[in-house]
Amino acid sequence: MTEESSTLESLLQLVRDMSSGRPANLRKGDQRDGSVYAPTPEIRTAVQVALITGRPLLLSGPPGCGKSSLASFVARSLGFSYFEFVVTDDSDPQDLLWRIDLIRRLNDAQLAKLTDDESVFTDYLEPGPLWWALNPETAERRGADRALTRPAAPPVHLLDYQATRAGAVLLIDEIDKADSSFCNGLLVPLGSRQFYVPEINDTVTNGPGRIEESPLVIITTNNERDLPEAFVRRCVVLPVPGPDANRLKEIARLHFPVLDTDEGLMSRVAKLAPRFEFDANGHAHASTAEFLDLVEVLIKLNTDFDSPEWQLIEKLVVEKPIMRRNAFSQW
């Protein structure tokens, strides 16, 4: 990572210049490496507002509309480090900050490896993604004032990617999976961009040379559960509608460059896209990722839409709930 400092204006310009990109590798499934995205004007503006205000960007919308994949794309576009945390129904806000590796400490105790100095848990602190996003220097040392024999290693969420400037994007994915206490537990850490760690009697804050606007926190919700009003008020909120047919065609073209030169294939994709539009209620025949799976199969197999083979392909790739219901009825 370079030591070059970033100004807010330069970051805003980078957001304005964000290009759609091209896949670095062959797209597989729901891989979201951030190399391809088609940002809308609304998305560009929302990211700029989040950078200016220092507020988390809360993206709401139906599953499969492209909310989660935006974060890694923005990280690449800004040259920032990228971290993510996927929320589950038993997630604790503490998981974003730090945890104690009690199992390793117990093993060391059984092997008589503990020392008086280590008894304060310092070497057993495991920094969470928000700590890494705020201050990777202290995260590596686990907050200690000395070099550790076992320094912490940052999680790697984007393969073959190196940040080019100090700063981070943190994705908190599907926050509506947890109850309101999870959101409430993040009000202070996300609002103040700092948190206290009693095990080391110190407060984690932005590291030296890291810009005021970092980390850029992007949060997604599928609207399966209402979020606390106090939490929503502290966010920049952008509803993300599902893509229409034209946007689906553009997304397919970005993921599969062969469509730029093969008019026949592009014409068939254009016929396929309207069937996978999201309606006004946020419902669609399939997610964008499943639509891309069908496009990839169409390119590789060149199957006719009216053939029995294509009907089977759609059942395998798209009509999975129907297949499951049919299977259950036969048992």
C-alpha atoms as a PDB file:
ATOM      1  CA  MET A   1       0.000   0.000   0.000  1.00  0.00           C
ATOM      2  CA  THR A   2       1.368   3.419  -0.858  1.00  0.00           C
ATOM      3  CA  GLU A   3       1.686   6.234   1.698  1.00  0.00           C
ATOM      4  CA  GLU A   4      -0.150   8.646  -0.604  1.00  0.00           C
ATOM      5  CA  SER A   5      -2.849  10.513   1.310  1.00  0.00           C
ATOM      6  CA  SER A   6      -6.282  10.927  -0.243  1.00  0.00           C
ATOM      7  CA  THR A   7      -8.382  14.062  -0.123  1.00  0.00           C
ATOM      8  CA  LEU A   8     -12.154  14.015  -0.109  1.00  0.00           C
ATOM      9  CA  GLU A   9     -12.305  15.786  -3.457  1.00  0.00           C
ATOM     10  CA  SER A  10     -10.048  13.223  -5.111  1.00  0.00           C
ATOM     11  CA  LEU A  11     -12.259  10.425  -3.771  1.00  0.00           C
ATOM     12  CA  LEU A  12     -15.400  12.104  -5.044  1.00  0.00           C
ATOM     13  CA  GLN A  13     -13.779  12.383  -8.466  1.00  0.00           C
ATOM     14  CA  LEU A  14     -12.915   8.687  -8.379  1.00  0.00           C
ATOM     15  CA  VAL A  15     -16.560   7.900  -7.668  1.00  0.00           C
ATOM     16  CA  ARG A  16     -17.650  10.081 -10.583  1.00  0.00           C
ATOM     17  CA  ASP A  17     -15.171   8.250 -12.804  1.00  0.00           C
ATOM     18  CA  MET A  18     -16.108   4.728 -11.685  1.00  0.00           C
ATOM     19  CA  SER A  19     -16.208   2.573 -14.800  1.00  0.00           C
ATOM     20  CA  SER A  20     -18.207  -0.571 -15.263  1.00  0.00           C
ATOM     21  CA  GLY A  21     -15.082  -2.689 -15.547  1.00  0.00           C
ATOM     22  CA  ARG A  22     -14.472  -6.058 -17.113  1.00  0.00           C
ATOM     23  CA  PRO A  23     -14.211  -9.435 -15.415  1.00  0.00           C
ATOM     24  CA  ALA A  24     -10.703 -10.235 -14.228  1.00  0.00           C
ATOM     25  CA  ASN A  25     -11.569 -13.933 -14.265  1.00  0.00           C
ATOM     26  CA  LEU A  26     -14.285 -16.089 -15.733  1.00  0.00           C
ATOM     27  CA  ARG A  27     -17.443 -15.392 -13.775  1.00  0.00           C
ATOM     28  CA  LYS A  28     -18.567 -18.305 -11.643  1.00  0.00           C
ATOM     29  CA  GLY A  29     -21.814 -18.319  -9.705  1.00  0.00           C
ATOM     30  CA  ASP A  30     -22.242 -15.557  -7.153  1.00  0.00           C
ATOM     31  CA  GLN A  31     -18.569 -14.636  -7.127  1.00  0.00           C
ATOM     32  CA  ARG A  32     -18.369 -10.941  -6.282  1.00  0.00           C
ATOM     33  CA  ASP A  33     -14.772  -9.891  -6.694  1.00  0.00           C
ATOM     34  CA  GLY A  34     -15.637  -6.294  -7.495  1.00  0.00           C
ATOM     35  CA  SER A  35     -14.172  -6.300 -10.988  1.00  0.00           C
ATOM     36  CA  VAL A  36     -17.526  -5.778 -12.728  1.00  0.00           C
ATOM     37  CA  TYR A  37     -20.425  -3.527 -11.819  1.00  0.00           C
ATOM     38  CA  ALA A  38     -22.696  -1.154 -13.724  1.00  0.00           C
ATOM     39  CA  PRO A  39     -23.155   1.800 -11.339  1.00  0.00           C
ATOM     40  CA  THR A  40     -26.224   3.947 -11.857  1.00  0.00           C
ATOM     41  CA  PRO A  41     -26.198   7.743 -11.363  1.00  0.00           C
ATOM     42  CA  GLU A  42     -28.164   7.196  -8.137  1.00  0.00           C
ATOM     43  CA  ILE A  43     -25.500   4.833  -6.806  1.00  0.00           C
ATOM     44  CA  ARG A  44     -22.687   7.251  -7.643  1.00  0.00           C
ATOM     45  CA  THR A  45     -24.471  10.064  -5.839  1.00  0.00           C
ATOM     46  CA  ALA A  46     -25.240   7.917  -2.796  1.00  0.00           C
ATOM     47  CA  VAL A  47     -21.587   6.854  -2.455  1.00  0.00           C
ATOM     48  CA  GLN A  48     -20.476  10.483  -2.712  1.00  0.00           C
ATOM     49  CA  VAL A  49     -22.960  11.561  -0.035  1.00  0.00           C
ATOM     50  CA  ALA A  50     -21.779   8.769   2.272  1.00  0.00           C
ATOM     51  CA  LEU A  51     -18.162   9.889   1.809  1.00  0.00           C
ATOM     52  CA  ILE A  52     -19.006  13.546   2.438  1.00  0.00           C
ATOM     53  CA  THR A  53     -21.137  12.935   5.536  1.00  0.00           C
ATOM     54  CA  GLY A  54     -19.170  10.016   6.954  1.00  0.00           C
ATOM     55  CA  ARG A  55     -22.435   8.098   7.332  1.00  0.00           C
ATOM     56  CA  PRO A  56     -22.912   4.398   6.528  1.00  0.00           C
ATOM     57  CA  LEU A  57     -24.604   3.755   3.182  1.00  0.00           C
ATOM     58  CA  LEU A  58     -27.651   1.525   3.719  1.00  0.00           C
ATOM     59  CA  LEU A  59     -28.782  -0.255   0.545  1.00  0.00           C
ATOM     60  CA  SER A  60     -32.262  -1.754   0.645  1.00  0.00           C
ATOM     61  CA  GLY A  61     -33.891  -3.917  -1.969  1.00  0.00           C
ATOM     62  CA  PRO A  62     -34.903  -7.423  -3.000  1.00  0.00           C
ATOM     63  CA  PRO A  63     -32.408 -10.303  -2.874  1.00  0.00           C
ATOM     64  CA  GLY A  64     -30.363 -10.669  -6.037  1.00  0.00           C
ATOM     65  CA  CYS A  65     -30.552  -7.045  -7.199  1.00  0.00           C
ATOM     66  CA  GLY A  66     -26.804  -6.366  -6.813  1.00  0.00           C
ATOM     67  CA  LYS A  67     -26.550  -4.652  -3.407  1.00  0.00           C
ATOM     68  CA  SER A  68     -23.724  -6.690  -1.918  1.00  0.00           C
ATOM     69  CA  SER A  69     -21.466  -6.675  -4.974  1.00  0.00           C
ATOM     70  CA  LEU A  70     -21.340  -2.868  -4.974  1.00  0.00           C
ATOM     71  CA  ALA A  71     -19.035  -2.720  -1.933  1.00  0.00           C
ATOM     72  CA  SER A  72     -16.102  -4.601  -3.451  1.00  0.00           C
ATOM     73  CA  PHE A  73     -16.494  -2.640  -6.688  1.00  0.00           C
ATOM     74  CA  VAL A  74     -16.280   0.670  -4.797  1.00  0.00           C
ATOM     75  CA  ALA A  75     -13.236  -0.589  -2.875  1.00  0.00           C
ATOM     76  CA  ARG A  76     -11.442  -1.382  -6.137  1.00  0.00           C
ATOM     77  CA  SER A  77     -12.480   1.929  -7.673  1.00  0.00           C
ATOM     78  CA  LEU A  78     -11.147   3.925  -4.716  1.00  0.00           C
ATOM     79  CA  GLY A  79      -8.076   1.752  -4.170  1.00  0.00           C
ATOM     80  CA  PHE A  80      -9.234   0.961  -0.624  1.00  0.00           C
ATOM     81  CA  SER A  81      -8.836  -2.202   1.415  1.00  0.00           C
ATOM     82  CA  TYR A  82     -11.969  -4.337   1.542  1.00  0.00           C
ATOM     83  CA  PHE A  83     -13.526  -6.157   4.479  1.00  0.00           C
ATOM     84  CA  GLU A  84     -16.899  -7.790   4.881  1.00  0.00           C
ATOM     85  CA  PHE A  85     -19.120  -9.271   7.561  1.00  0.00           C
ATOM     86  CA  VAL A  86     -22.159 -11.400   6.711  1.00  0.00           C
ATOM     87  CA  VAL A  87     -24.830 -11.112   9.392  1.00  0.00           C
ATOM     88  CA  THR A  88     -26.687 -14.199  10.618  1.00  0.00           C
ATOM     89  CA  ASP A  89     -29.526 -14.582  13.099  1.00  0.00           C
ATOM     90  CA  ASP A  90     -27.048 -15.253  15.926  1.00  0.00           C
ATOM     91  CA  SER A  91     -24.531 -12.512  15.065  1.00  0.00           C
ATOM     92  CA  ASP A  92     -23.345 -10.217  17.847  1.00  0.00           C
ATOM     93  CA  PRO A  93     -22.151  -6.635  17.205  1.00  0.00           C
ATOM     94  CA  GLN A  94     -19.060  -7.570  19.183  1.00  0.00           C
ATOM     95  CA  ASP A  95     -18.058  -9.833  16.279  1.00  0.00           C
ATOM     96  CA  LEU A  96     -17.395  -6.737  14.166  1.00  0.00           C
ATOM     97  CA  LEU A  97     -15.048  -5.285  16.779  1.00  0.00           C
ATOM     98  CA  TRP A  98     -13.007  -8.092  18.335  1.00  0.00           C
ATOM     99  CA  ARG A  99     -13.253 -11.452  20.017  1.00  0.00           C
ATOM    100  CA  ILE A 100     -11.126 -13.516  22.393  1.00  0.00           C
ATOM    101  CA  ASP A 101      -9.751 -16.799  21.056  1.00  0.00           C
ATOM    102  CA  LEU A 102     -10.568 -18.740  24.207  1.00  0.00           C
ATOM    103  CA  ILE A 103      -9.938 -22.112  22.582  1.00  0.00           C
ATOM    104  CA  ARG A 104      -6.350 -21.252  21.690  1.00  0.00           C
ATOM    105  CA  ARG A 105      -5.789 -19.781  25.129  1.00  0.00           C
ATOM    106  CA  LEU A 106      -7.145 -22.942  26.742  1.00  0.00           C
ATOM    107  CA  ASN A 107      -4.833 -25.062  24.608  1.00  0.00           C
ATOM    108  CA  ASP A 108      -1.860 -22.898  25.586  1.00  0.00           C
ATOM    109  CA  ALA A 109      -2.853 -23.179  29.234  1.00  0.00           C
ATOM    110  CA  GLN A 110      -2.979 -26.970  29.006  1.00  0.00           C
ATOM    111  CA  LEU A 111       0.454 -26.967  27.379  1.00  0.00           C
ATOM    112  CA  ALA A 112       1.781 -24.596  30.066  1.00  0.00           C
ATOM    113  CA  LYS A 113       2.565 -21.948  27.450  1.00  0.00           C
ATOM    114  CA  LEU A 114       0.881 -19.068  29.257  1.00  0.00           C
ATOM    115  CA  THR A 115       3.005 -16.330  30.782  1.00  0.00           C
ATOM    116  CA  ASP A 116       2.060 -13.583  33.208  1.00  0.00           C
ATOM    117  CA  ASP A 117       2.169 -11.077  30.367  1.00  0.00           C
ATOM    118  CA  GLU A 118      -0.116 -13.150  28.159  1.00  0.00           C
ATOM    119  CA  SER A 119      -2.649 -13.599  30.945  1.00  0.00           C
ATOM    120  CA  VAL A 120      -4.201 -10.218  29.988  1.00  0.00           C
ATOM    121  CA  PHE A 121      -5.467 -11.788  26.734  1.00  0.00           C
ATOM    122  CA  THR A 122      -3.441  -9.507  24.434  1.00  0.00           C
ATOM    123  CA  ASP A 123      -2.085 -12.314  22.277  1.00  0.00           C
ATOM    124  CA  TYR A 124      -5.541 -13.890  22.125  1.00  0.00           C
ATOM    125  CA  LEU A 125      -7.401 -10.850  20.827  1.00  0.00           C
ATOM    126  CA  GLU A 126      -8.722 -11.422  17.315  1.00  0.00           C
ATOM    127  CA  PRO A 127      -9.540  -8.046  15.691  1.00  0.00           C
ATOM    128  CA  GLY A 128     -12.846  -7.877  13.845  1.00  0.00           C
ATOM    129  CA  PRO A 129     -13.439  -6.342  10.411  1.00  0.00           C
ATOM    130  CA  LEU A 130     -14.310  -2.883  11.790  1.00  0.00           C
ATOM    131  CA  TRP A 131     -11.019  -2.794  13.713  1.00  0.00           C
ATOM    132  CA  TRP A 132      -9.100  -3.745  10.552  1.00  0.00           C
ATOM    133  CA  ALA A 133     -11.002  -1.100   8.586  1.00  0.00           C
ATOM    134  CA  LEU A 134     -10.299   1.629  11.148  1.00  0.00           C
ATOM    135  CA  ASN A 135      -6.708   0.912  12.086  1.00  0.00           C
ATOM    136  CA  PRO A 136      -4.884  -2.052  10.503  1.00  0.00           C
ATOM    137  CA  GLU A 137      -1.626  -1.111  12.244  1.00  0.00           C
ATOM    138  CA  THR A 138      -2.991  -1.665  15.761  1.00  0.00           C
ATOM    139  CA  ALA A 139      -5.101  -4.608  14.550  1.00  0.00           C
ATOM    140  CA  GLU A 140      -1.932  -6.407  13.465  1.00  0.00           C
ATOM    141  CA  ARG A 141      -0.471  -5.889  16.967  1.00  0.00           C
ATOM    142  CA  ARG A 142      -3.853  -6.642  18.591  1.00  0.00           C
ATOM    143  CA  GLY A 143      -3.552  -3.297  20.327  1.00  0.00           C
ATOM    144  CA  ALA A 144      -0.251  -4.137  22.032  1.00  0.00           C
ATOM    145  CA  ASP A 145       2.602  -1.642  22.265  1.00  0.00           C
ATOM    146  CA  ARG A 146       5.090  -4.326  21.286  1.00  0.00           C
ATOM    147  CA  ALA A 147       5.616  -6.603  18.314  1.00  0.00           C
ATOM    148  CA  LEU A 148       3.916  -9.943  18.815  1.00  0.00           C
ATOM    149  CA  THR A 149       5.363 -13.350  18.119  1.00  0.00           C
ATOM    150  CA  ARG A 150       2.061 -14.138  16.386  1.00  0.00           C
ATOM    151  CA  PRO A 151       0.848 -10.928  14.717  1.00  0.00           C
ATOM    152  CA  ALA A 152      -2.745 -10.889  13.537  1.00  0.00           C
ATOM    153  CA  ALA A 153      -3.381 -11.277   9.812  1.00  0.00           C
ATOM    154  CA  PRO A 154      -6.127  -9.338   8.036  1.00  0.00           C
ATOM    155  CA  PRO A 155      -8.922 -11.362   6.456  1.00  0.00           C
ATOM    156  CA  VAL A 156      -8.686 -11.643   2.674  1.00  0.00           C
ATOM    157  CA  HIS A 157     -12.022 -11.139   0.936  1.00  0.00           C
ATOM    158  CA  LEU A 158     -10.746 -10.094  -2.507  1.00  0.00           C
ATOM    159  CA  LEU A 159      -8.227 -12.451  -4.063  1.00  0.00           C
ATOM    160  CA  ASP A 160      -5.458 -11.004  -6.244  1.00  0.00           C
ATOM    161  CA  TYR A 161      -6.172  -7.456  -5.083  1.00  0.00           C
ATOM    162  CA  GLN A 162      -3.899  -4.988  -3.295  1.00  0.00           C
ATOM    163  CA  ALA A 163      -5.133  -1.657  -1.957  1.00  0.00           C
ATOM    164  CA  THR A 164      -3.294   1.361  -3.336  1.00  0.00           C
ATOM    165  CA  ARG A 165      -4.140   3.949  -0.650  1.00  0.00           C
ATOM    166  CA  ALA A 166      -4.935   4.147   3.039  1.00  0.00           C
ATOM    167  CA  GLY A 167      -8.656   3.639   3.536  1.00  0.00           C
ATOM    168  CA  ALA A 168     -11.187   0.836   3.621  1.00  0.00           C
ATOM    169  CA  VAL A 169     -14.642  -0.217   2.537  1.00  0.00           C
ATOM    170  CA  LEU A 170     -16.501  -2.371   5.059  1.00  0.00           C
ATOM    171  CA  LEU A 171     -19.543  -4.370   3.906  1.00  0.00           C
ATOM    172  CA  ILE A 172     -22.071  -5.402   6.561  1.00  0.00           C
ATOM    173  CA  ASP A 173     -24.244  -7.755   4.557  1.00  0.00           C
ATOM    174  CA  GLU A 174     -27.909  -8.646   5.209  1.00  0.00           C
ATOM    175  CA  ILE A 175     -28.199  -6.775   8.495  1.00  0.00           C
ATOM    176  CA  ASP A 176     -31.920  -7.572   8.626  1.00  0.00           C
ATOM    177  CA  LYS A 177     -31.042 -11.183   9.453  1.00  0.00           C
ATOM    178  CA  ALA A 178     -30.278 -10.122  13.051  1.00  0.00           C
ATOM    179  CA  ASP A 179     -32.638  -8.555  15.580  1.00  0.00           C
ATOM    180  CA  SER A 180     -32.733  -4.885  16.555  1.00  0.00           C
ATOM    181  CA  SER A 181     -30.152  -5.335  19.329  1.00  0.00           C
ATOM    182  CA  PHE A 182     -27.483  -5.985  16.672  1.00  0.00           C
ATOM    183  CA  CYS A 183     -28.173  -2.643  14.985  1.00  0.00           C
ATOM    184  CA  ASN A 184     -28.363  -0.819  18.309  1.00  0.00           C
ATOM    185  CA  GLY A 185     -25.007  -2.256  19.325  1.00  0.00           C
ATOM    186  CA  LEU A 186     -23.388  -0.629  16.279  1.00  0.00           C
ATOM    187  CA  LEU A 187     -24.759   2.880  16.794  1.00  0.00           C
ATOM    188  CA  VAL A 188     -21.755   4.149  18.749  1.00  0.00           C
ATOM    189  CA  PRO A 189     -18.906   2.324  16.903  1.00  0.00           C
ATOM    190  CA  LEU A 190     -20.205   3.312  13.462  1.00  0.00           C
ATOM    191  CA  GLY A 191     -21.212   6.818  14.511  1.00  0.00           C
ATOM    192  CA  SER A 192     -18.017   7.756  16.355  1.00  0.00           C
ATOM    193  CA  ARG A 193     -15.664   5.556  14.313  1.00  0.00           C
ATOM    194  CA  GLN A 194     -14.054   4.301  17.487  1.00  0.00           C
ATOM    195  CA  PHE A 195     -14.621   1.750  20.230  1.00  0.00           C
ATOM    196  CA  TYR A 196     -13.103   0.812  23.576  1.00  0.00           C
ATOM    197  CA  VAL A 197     -11.364  -2.535  24.156  1.00  0.00           C
ATOM    198  CA  PRO A 198     -11.278  -3.241  27.905  1.00  0.00           C
ATOM    199  CA  GLU A 199      -8.833  -6.161  27.537  1.00  0.00           C
ATOM    200  CA  ILE A 200      -6.105  -3.722  26.476  1.00  0.00           C
ATOM    201  CA  ASN A 201      -7.580  -0.640  28.193  1.00  0.00           C
ATOM    202  CA  ASP A 202      -7.391   1.323  24.947  1.00  0.00           C
ATOM    203  CA  THR A 203      -9.641   2.860  22.314  1.00  0.00           C
ATOM    204  CA  VAL A 204      -9.402   1.897  18.652  1.00  0.00           C
ATOM    205  CA  THR A 205      -9.616   4.910  16.346  1.00  0.00           C
ATOM    206  CA  ASN A 206      -8.575   5.765  12.795  1.00  0.00           C
ATOM    207  CA  GLY A 207      -4.861   5.217  12.339  1.00  0.00           C
ATOM    208  CA  PRO A 208      -2.362   7.953  11.428  1.00  0.00           C
ATOM    209  CA  GLY A 209      -2.448   8.970   7.771  1.00  0.00           C
ATOM    210  CA  ARG A 210      -5.884   7.426   7.243  1.00  0.00           C
ATOM    211  CA  ILE A 211      -8.426   9.779   5.756  1.00  0.00           C
ATOM    212  CA  GLU A 212     -11.309  11.133   7.765  1.00  0.00           C
ATOM    213  CA  GLU A 213     -13.860   9.582   5.435  1.00  0.00           C
ATOM    214  CA  SER A 214     -12.595   6.019   5.988  1.00  0.00           C
ATOM    215  CA  PRO A 215     -13.904   3.492   6.438  1.00  0.00           C
ATOM    216  CA  LEU A 216     -16.779   3.741   4.010  1.00  0.00           C
ATOM    217  CA  VAL A 217     -19.361   1.403   5.541  1.00  0.00           C
ATOM    218  CA  ILE A 218     -21.888  -0.156   3.157  1.00  0.00           C
ATOM    219  CA  ILE A 219     -24.797  -2.036   4.740  1.00  0.00           C
ATOM    220  CA  THR A 220     -27.380  -4.144   2.916  1.00  0.00           C
ATOM    221  CA  THR A 221     -30.879  -5.209   3.876  1.00  0.00           C
ATOM    222  CA  ASN A 222     -33.404  -7.377   2.044  1.00  0.00           C
ATOM    223  CA  ASN A 223     -36.206  -5.688   4.028  1.00  0.00           C
ATOM    224  CA  GLU A 224     -37.111  -8.965   5.714  1.00  0.00           C
ATOM    225  CA  ARG A 225     -37.213  -7.180   9.069  1.00  0.00           C
ATOM    226  CA  ASP A 226     -37.703  -3.534  10.017  1.00  0.00           C
ATOM    227  CA  LEU A 227     -34.548  -1.818  11.250  1.00  0.00           C
ATOM    228  CA  PRO A 228     -34.562   0.444  14.330  1.00  0.00           C
ATOM    229  CA  GLU A 229     -35.450   4.036  13.492  1.00  0.00           C
ATOM    230  CA  ALA A 230     -32.405   5.315  15.392  1.00  0.00           C
ATOM    231  CA  PHE A 231     -30.163   3.175  13.211  1.00  0.00           C
ATOM    232  CA  VAL A 232     -31.808   4.198   9.927  1.00  0.00           C
ATOM    233  CA  ARG A 233     -31.533   7.897  10.856  1.00  0.00           C
ATOM    234  CA  ARG A 234     -27.766   7.527  11.108  1.00  0.00           C
ATOM    235  CA  CYS A 235     -27.443   6.151   7.578  1.00  0.00           C
ATOM    236  CA  VAL A 236     -27.595   7.397   4.010  1.00  0.00           C
ATOM    237  CA  VAL A 237     -30.382   5.224   2.614  1.00  0.00           C
ATOM    238  CA  LEU A 238     -30.685   4.182  -1.027  1.00  0.00           C
ATOM    239  CA  PRO A 239     -33.406   1.804  -2.252  1.00  0.00           C
ATOM    240  CA  VAL A 240     -31.946  -0.380  -5.000  1.00  0.00           C
ATOM    241  CA  PRO A 241     -34.603  -1.613  -7.443  1.00  0.00           C
ATOM    242  CA  GLY A 242     -34.142  -4.808  -9.339  1.00  0.00           C
ATOM    243  CA  PRO A 243     -32.748  -4.366 -12.854  1.00  0.00           C
ATOM    244  CA  ASP A 244     -35.064  -4.012 -15.818  1.00  0.00           C
ATOM    245  CA  ALA A 245     -34.484  -5.755 -19.143  1.00  0.00           C
ATOM    246  CA  ASN A 246     -32.150  -3.093 -20.512  1.00  0.00           C
ATOM    247  CA  ARG A 247     -30.003  -3.134 -17.403  1.00  0.00           C
ATOM    248  CA  LEU A 248     -29.906  -6.939 -17.437  1.00  0.00           C
ATOM    249  CA  LYS A 249     -28.627  -6.838 -21.015  1.00  0.00           C
ATOM    250  CA  GLU A 250     -25.943  -4.331 -20.007  1.00  0.00           C
ATOM    251  CA  ILE A 251     -24.908  -6.484 -17.027  1.00  0.00           C
ATOM    252  CA  ALA A 252     -24.680  -9.547 -19.260  1.00  0.00           C
ATOM    253  CA  ARG A 253     -22.586  -7.645 -21.804  1.00  0.00           C
ATOM    254  CA  LEU A 254     -20.160  -6.529 -19.093  1.00  0.00           C
ATOM    255  CA  HIS A 255     -19.724 -10.048 -17.756  1.00  0.00           C
ATOM    256  CA  PHE A 256     -19.428 -11.708 -21.146  1.00  0.00           C
ATOM    257  CA  PRO A 257     -17.435  -9.589 -23.654  1.00  0.00           C
ATOM    258  CA  VAL A 258     -18.254 -12.081 -26.436  1.00  0.00           C
ATOM    259  CA  LEU A 259     -21.712 -10.486 -26.590  1.00  0.00           C
ATOM    260  CA  ASP A 260     -20.114  -7.323 -27.974  1.00  0.00           C
ATOM    261  CA  THR A 261     -19.053  -9.135 -31.136  1.00  0.00           C
ATOM    262  CA  ASP A 262     -21.692 -11.838 -31.545  1.00  0.00           C
ATOM    263  CA  GLU A 263     -24.946 -10.167 -32.593  1.00  0.00           C
ATOM    264  CA  GLY A 264     -26.796 -13.492 -32.716  1.00  0.00           C
ATOM    265  CA  LEU A 265     -25.982 -14.305 -29.104  1.00  0.00           C
ATOM    266  CA  MET A 266     -26.792 -10.779 -27.990  1.00  0.00           C
ATOM    267  CA  SER A 267     -30.145 -10.978 -29.734  1.00  0.00           C
ATOM    268  CA  ARG A 268     -30.975 -14.174 -27.839  1.00  0.00           C
ATOM    269  CA  VAL A 269     -29.925 -12.606 -24.535  1.00  0.00           C
ATOM    270  CA  ALA A 270     -32.189  -9.654 -25.362  1.00  0.00           C
ATOM    271  CA  LYS A 271     -35.119 -12.069 -25.756  1.00  0.00           C
ATOM    272  CA  LEU A 272     -34.258 -13.742 -22.445  1.00  0.00           C
ATOM    273  CA  ALA A 273     -33.847 -10.580 -20.353  1.00  0.00           C
ATOM    274  CA  PRO A 274     -37.498  -9.362 -20.154  1.00  0.00           C
ATOM    275  CA  ARG A 275     -38.506 -12.608 -18.456  1.00  0.00           C
ATOM    276  CA  PHE A 276     -36.145 -11.835 -15.557  1.00  0.00           C
ATOM    277  CA  GLU A 277     -37.124  -8.242 -14.848  1.00  0.00           C
ATOM    278  CA  PHE A 278     -38.029  -7.331 -11.278  1.00  0.00           C
ATOM    279  CA  ASP A 279     -41.615  -6.140 -10.972  1.00  0.00           C
ATOM    280  CA  ALA A 280     -42.865  -3.156  -8.971  1.00  0.00           C
ATOM    281  CA  ASN A 281     -43.048  -5.315  -5.831  1.00  0.00           C
ATOM    282  CA  GLY A 282     -39.420  -6.374  -6.111  1.00  0.00           C
ATOM    283  CA  HIS A 283     -40.185  -9.882  -7.333  1.00  0.00           C
ATOM    284  CA  ALA A 284     -38.491 -11.603 -10.226  1.00  0.00           C
ATOM    285  CA  HIS A 285     -38.383 -14.967 -11.930  1.00  0.00           C
ATOM    286  CA  ALA A 286     -34.779 -15.293 -10.755  1.00  0.00           C
ATOM    287  CA  SER A 287     -31.932 -13.262  -9.303  1.00  0.00           C
ATOM    288  CA  THR A 288     -29.444 -11.412 -11.474  1.00  0.00           C
ATOM    289  CA  ALA A 289     -26.825 -14.064 -10.669  1.00  0.00           C
ATOM    290  CA  GLU A 290     -29.155 -16.830 -11.886  1.00  0.00           C
ATOM    291  CA  PHE A 291     -29.881 -14.841 -15.045  1.00  0.00           C
ATOM    292  CA  LEU A 292     -26.123 -14.630 -15.656  1.00  0.00           C
ATOM    293  CA  ASP A 293     -25.852 -18.377 -15.098  1.00  0.00           C
ATOM    294  CA  LEU A 294     -28.401 -18.913 -17.863  1.00  0.00           C
ATOM    295  CA  VAL A 295     -26.540 -16.532 -20.166  1.00  0.00           C
ATOM    296  CA  GLU A 296     -23.296 -18.413 -19.554  1.00  0.00           C
ATOM    297  CA  VAL A 297     -24.963 -21.746 -20.336  1.00  0.00           C
ATOM    298  CA  LEU A 298     -26.534 -20.217 -23.450  1.00  0.00           C
ATOM    299  CA  ILE A 299     -23.109 -19.059 -24.663  1.00  0.00           C
ATOM    300  CA  LYS A 300     -21.415 -22.382 -23.984  1.00  0.00           C
ATOM    301  CA  LEU A 301     -24.123 -24.754 -25.246  1.00  0.00           C
ATOM    302  CA  ASN A 302     -25.839 -22.558 -27.869  1.00  0.00           C
ATOM    303  CA  THR A 303     -29.101 -24.334 -27.103  1.00  0.00           C
ATOM    304  CA  ASP A 304     -32.375 -23.415 -28.808  1.00  0.00           C
ATOM    305  CA  PHE A 305     -34.973 -21.851 -26.490  1.00  0.00           C
ATOM    306  CA  ASP A 306     -37.689 -24.208 -27.741  1.00  0.00           C
ATOM    307  CA  SER A 307     -35.722 -27.387 -27.174  1.00  0.00           C
ATOM    308  CA  PRO A 308     -36.406 -29.848 -24.318  1.00  0.00           C
ATOM    309  CA  GLU A 309     -32.782 -29.390 -23.275  1.00  0.00           C
ATOM    310  CA  TRP A 310     -33.297 -25.669 -22.663  1.00  0.00           C
ATOM    311  CA  GLN A 311     -36.476 -26.328 -20.686  1.00  0.00           C
ATOM    312  CA  LEU A 312     -34.468 -28.658 -18.452  1.00  0.00           C
ATOM    313  CA  ILE A 313     -31.700 -26.067 -18.116  1.00  0.00           C
ATOM    314  CA  GLU A 314     -34.177 -23.460 -16.886  1.00  0.00           C
ATOM    315  CA  LYS A 315     -35.543 -25.909 -14.330  1.00  0.00           C
ATOM    316  CA  LEU A 316     -32.042 -26.686 -13.105  1.00  0.00           C
ATOM    317  CA  VAL A 317     -30.871 -23.077 -12.901  1.00  0.00           C
ATOM    318  CA  VAL A 318     -34.009 -21.052 -12.192  1.00  0.00           C
ATOM    319  CA  GLU A 319     -37.060 -23.075 -11.182  1.00  0.00           C
ATOM    320  CA  LYS A 320     -35.431 -24.637  -8.145  1.00  0.00           C
ATOM    321  CA  PRO A 321     -38.283 -24.013  -5.670  1.00  0.00           C
ATOM    322  CA  ILE A 322     -40.720 -25.698  -8.091  1.00  0.00           C
ATOM    323  CA  MET A 323     -38.343 -28.639  -8.463  1.00  0.00           C
ATOM    324  CA  ARG A 324     -38.108 -28.965  -4.687  1.00  0.00           C
ATOM    325  CA  ARG A 325     -41.856 -28.846  -4.215  1.00  0.00           C
ATOM    326  CA  ASN A 326     -42.310 -31.518  -6.871  1.00  0.00           C
ATOM    327  CA  ALA A 327     -39.685 -33.678  -5.203  1.00  0.00           C
ATOM    328  CA  PHE A 328     -41.308 -33.356  -1.795  1.00  0.00           C
ATOM    329  CA  SER A 329     -44.721 -34.312  -3.205  1.00  0.00           C
ATOM    330  CA  GLN A 330     -43.263 -37.576  -4.515  1.00  0.00           C
ATOM    331  CA  TRP A 331     -41.723 -38.642  -1.197  1.00  0.00           C
END
